[in-house]
N, C-alpha and C. Protein backbone atom coordinates (compact mmCIF):
# COMPACT_ATOMS: atom_id res chain seq x y z
N MET A 1 18.61 3.01 4.26
CA MET A 1 17.62 3.79 4.97
C MET A 1 17.79 5.28 4.66
N ILE A 2 16.68 5.95 4.39
CA ILE A 2 16.72 7.37 4.08
C ILE A 2 16.63 8.17 5.39
N THR A 3 17.53 9.12 5.53
CA THR A 3 17.51 9.97 6.72
C THR A 3 16.42 11.02 6.57
N PRO A 4 15.54 11.13 7.55
CA PRO A 4 14.49 12.15 7.46
C PRO A 4 15.09 13.55 7.42
N GLU A 5 14.52 14.41 6.58
CA GLU A 5 14.99 15.78 6.48
C GLU A 5 14.17 16.66 7.41
N ILE A 6 14.86 17.49 8.16
CA ILE A 6 14.20 18.39 9.10
C ILE A 6 14.16 19.79 8.50
N LEU A 7 12.97 20.40 8.56
CA LEU A 7 12.79 21.76 8.06
C LEU A 7 12.71 22.73 9.22
N ARG A 8 13.37 23.84 9.11
CA ARG A 8 13.24 24.92 10.09
C ARG A 8 12.00 25.73 9.73
N PHE A 9 11.62 26.67 10.61
CA PHE A 9 10.36 27.38 10.41
C PHE A 9 10.30 28.13 9.08
N ALA A 10 11.38 28.76 8.66
CA ALA A 10 11.35 29.53 7.40
C ALA A 10 10.92 28.65 6.23
N ALA A 11 11.39 27.41 6.19
CA ALA A 11 11.03 26.49 5.11
C ALA A 11 9.58 26.03 5.25
N VAL A 12 9.13 25.82 6.49
CA VAL A 12 7.73 25.43 6.73
C VAL A 12 6.81 26.57 6.29
N LYS A 13 7.18 27.79 6.65
CA LYS A 13 6.38 28.95 6.26
C LYS A 13 6.32 29.09 4.74
N GLN A 14 7.44 28.91 4.09
CA GLN A 14 7.48 29.02 2.63
C GLN A 14 6.61 27.94 1.98
N ALA A 15 6.65 26.73 2.52
CA ALA A 15 5.89 25.61 1.95
C ALA A 15 4.39 25.73 2.20
N THR A 16 4.02 26.27 3.38
CA THR A 16 2.60 26.28 3.76
C THR A 16 1.94 27.65 3.65
N GLY A 17 2.73 28.70 3.75
CA GLY A 17 2.18 30.05 3.77
C GLY A 17 1.59 30.43 5.12
N LEU A 18 1.84 29.63 6.14
CA LEU A 18 1.27 29.87 7.47
C LEU A 18 2.23 30.67 8.33
N SER A 19 1.66 31.52 9.19
CA SER A 19 2.49 32.27 10.13
C SER A 19 2.92 31.37 11.28
N ARG A 20 3.88 31.86 12.04
CA ARG A 20 4.37 31.12 13.21
C ARG A 20 3.22 30.87 14.21
N THR A 21 2.39 31.88 14.41
CA THR A 21 1.27 31.75 15.36
C THR A 21 0.26 30.73 14.88
N THR A 22 -0.05 30.73 13.59
CA THR A 22 -1.01 29.77 13.06
C THR A 22 -0.48 28.35 13.16
N VAL A 23 0.78 28.15 12.86
CA VAL A 23 1.39 26.82 13.01
C VAL A 23 1.28 26.38 14.46
N TRP A 24 1.60 27.26 15.39
CA TRP A 24 1.54 26.94 16.81
C TRP A 24 0.12 26.56 17.23
N ARG A 25 -0.88 27.34 16.78
CA ARG A 25 -2.27 27.04 17.14
C ARG A 25 -2.71 25.70 16.55
N LEU A 26 -2.37 25.45 15.30
CA LEU A 26 -2.74 24.18 14.67
C LEU A 26 -2.06 23.00 15.35
N GLU A 27 -0.80 23.16 15.73
CA GLU A 27 -0.10 22.10 16.47
C GLU A 27 -0.81 21.80 17.78
N ARG A 28 -1.17 22.84 18.50
CA ARG A 28 -1.83 22.65 19.81
C ARG A 28 -3.14 21.88 19.69
N THR A 29 -3.84 22.04 18.59
CA THR A 29 -5.12 21.35 18.40
C THR A 29 -4.97 20.02 17.67
N GLY A 30 -3.72 19.65 17.33
CA GLY A 30 -3.47 18.39 16.66
C GLY A 30 -3.77 18.41 15.17
N LEU A 31 -3.88 19.61 14.59
CA LEU A 31 -4.22 19.74 13.17
C LEU A 31 -3.01 20.02 12.29
N PHE A 32 -1.82 20.00 12.86
CA PHE A 32 -0.58 20.24 12.13
C PHE A 32 0.49 19.35 12.75
N PRO A 33 1.45 18.89 11.94
CA PRO A 33 2.51 18.03 12.49
C PRO A 33 3.25 18.71 13.64
N ARG A 34 3.61 17.91 14.63
CA ARG A 34 4.33 18.41 15.80
C ARG A 34 5.79 18.69 15.46
N ARG A 35 6.30 19.75 16.04
CA ARG A 35 7.72 20.08 15.86
C ARG A 35 8.58 19.09 16.63
N ARG A 36 9.83 18.98 16.22
CA ARG A 36 10.80 18.11 16.89
C ARG A 36 11.88 18.98 17.51
N GLN A 37 12.32 18.61 18.69
CA GLN A 37 13.42 19.31 19.35
C GLN A 37 14.72 18.81 18.73
N ILE A 38 15.48 19.72 18.13
CA ILE A 38 16.76 19.36 17.50
C ILE A 38 17.90 19.56 18.50
N THR A 39 17.91 20.73 19.11
CA THR A 39 18.86 21.07 20.19
C THR A 39 18.03 21.78 21.26
N PRO A 40 18.63 22.14 22.39
CA PRO A 40 17.83 22.82 23.42
C PRO A 40 17.12 24.09 22.92
N ASN A 41 17.67 24.77 21.93
CA ASN A 41 17.08 26.02 21.45
C ASN A 41 16.63 25.97 20.00
N THR A 42 16.54 24.79 19.43
CA THR A 42 16.22 24.67 18.00
C THR A 42 15.16 23.60 17.79
N VAL A 43 14.15 23.94 16.97
CA VAL A 43 13.12 22.97 16.62
C VAL A 43 13.00 22.89 15.10
N GLY A 44 12.36 21.83 14.65
CA GLY A 44 12.14 21.67 13.22
C GLY A 44 11.01 20.67 12.99
N TRP A 45 10.59 20.55 11.76
CA TRP A 45 9.51 19.65 11.37
C TRP A 45 10.04 18.69 10.32
N LEU A 46 9.53 17.46 10.32
CA LEU A 46 9.95 16.49 9.31
C LEU A 46 9.33 16.87 7.97
N ARG A 47 10.18 16.92 6.94
CA ARG A 47 9.72 17.31 5.60
C ARG A 47 8.55 16.44 5.15
N GLN A 48 8.63 15.14 5.36
CA GLN A 48 7.58 14.24 4.89
C GLN A 48 6.25 14.53 5.58
N GLU A 49 6.29 14.83 6.86
CA GLU A 49 5.05 15.15 7.58
C GLU A 49 4.43 16.44 7.06
N ILE A 50 5.25 17.43 6.77
CA ILE A 50 4.75 18.69 6.21
C ILE A 50 4.18 18.44 4.81
N SER A 51 4.89 17.66 4.00
CA SER A 51 4.39 17.32 2.65
C SER A 51 3.07 16.58 2.71
N ASP A 52 2.97 15.63 3.64
CA ASP A 52 1.72 14.87 3.80
C ASP A 52 0.58 15.79 4.25
N TRP A 53 0.89 16.72 5.15
CA TRP A 53 -0.13 17.66 5.63
C TRP A 53 -0.64 18.51 4.46
N ILE A 54 0.28 19.02 3.65
CA ILE A 54 -0.12 19.85 2.50
C ILE A 54 -0.98 19.03 1.55
N ALA A 55 -0.58 17.79 1.28
CA ALA A 55 -1.34 16.92 0.37
C ALA A 55 -2.73 16.60 0.92
N SER A 56 -2.89 16.64 2.24
CA SER A 56 -4.19 16.30 2.84
C SER A 56 -5.19 17.46 2.77
N ARG A 57 -4.74 18.63 2.42
CA ARG A 57 -5.64 19.79 2.34
C ARG A 57 -6.57 19.61 1.15
N GLU A 58 -7.84 19.85 1.37
CA GLU A 58 -8.84 19.71 0.32
C GLU A 58 -8.84 20.95 -0.57
N PRO A 59 -9.00 20.77 -1.88
CA PRO A 59 -9.13 21.93 -2.76
C PRO A 59 -10.42 22.68 -2.43
N ILE A 60 -10.40 23.98 -2.62
CA ILE A 60 -11.60 24.78 -2.37
C ILE A 60 -12.49 24.70 -3.60
N ASP A 61 -13.74 24.39 -3.37
CA ASP A 61 -14.73 24.32 -4.43
C ASP A 61 -15.01 25.73 -4.95
N SER A 62 -15.09 25.90 -6.26
CA SER A 62 -15.32 27.22 -6.84
C SER A 62 -16.65 27.82 -6.39
N LYS A 63 -17.64 26.99 -6.08
CA LYS A 63 -18.92 27.51 -5.59
C LYS A 63 -18.76 28.13 -4.21
N ILE A 64 -17.95 27.52 -3.38
CA ILE A 64 -17.69 28.07 -2.04
C ILE A 64 -17.00 29.42 -2.17
N LEU A 65 -16.03 29.51 -3.09
CA LEU A 65 -15.34 30.77 -3.30
C LEU A 65 -16.31 31.86 -3.73
N ALA A 66 -17.25 31.54 -4.61
CA ALA A 66 -18.23 32.51 -5.08
C ALA A 66 -19.10 33.01 -3.92
N VAL A 67 -19.50 32.11 -3.04
CA VAL A 67 -20.32 32.49 -1.89
C VAL A 67 -19.52 33.38 -0.95
N GLN A 68 -18.25 33.04 -0.72
CA GLN A 68 -17.42 33.85 0.16
C GLN A 68 -17.23 35.26 -0.39
N LYS A 69 -17.04 35.38 -1.71
CA LYS A 69 -16.88 36.70 -2.32
C LYS A 69 -18.16 37.50 -2.18
N THR A 70 -19.31 36.85 -2.35
CA THR A 70 -20.60 37.53 -2.23
C THR A 70 -20.81 38.02 -0.80
N GLN A 71 -20.41 37.22 0.18
CA GLN A 71 -20.61 37.60 1.58
C GLN A 71 -19.73 38.78 1.98
N ARG A 72 -18.57 38.91 1.37
CA ARG A 72 -17.65 40.01 1.70
C ARG A 72 -18.12 41.34 1.12
N ALA A 73 -18.84 41.26 0.01
CA ALA A 73 -19.25 42.50 -0.68
C ALA A 73 -20.32 43.26 0.03
């Protein structure tokens, strides 16, 4: 049996590019994997759940990017 690897926030941030606040907001709405309590003062996320979440993100269509750039100008 493989032991699940737990990631601390710094590793989650590096993997996803999300801030602590964004992770918290996404967790609250059920759009990001829930953190696990490791000790009374320590939390972490399962590496596989974070990897699965990243893999579930849809690529941005180049046409959408062009529209967004036009709207900003």
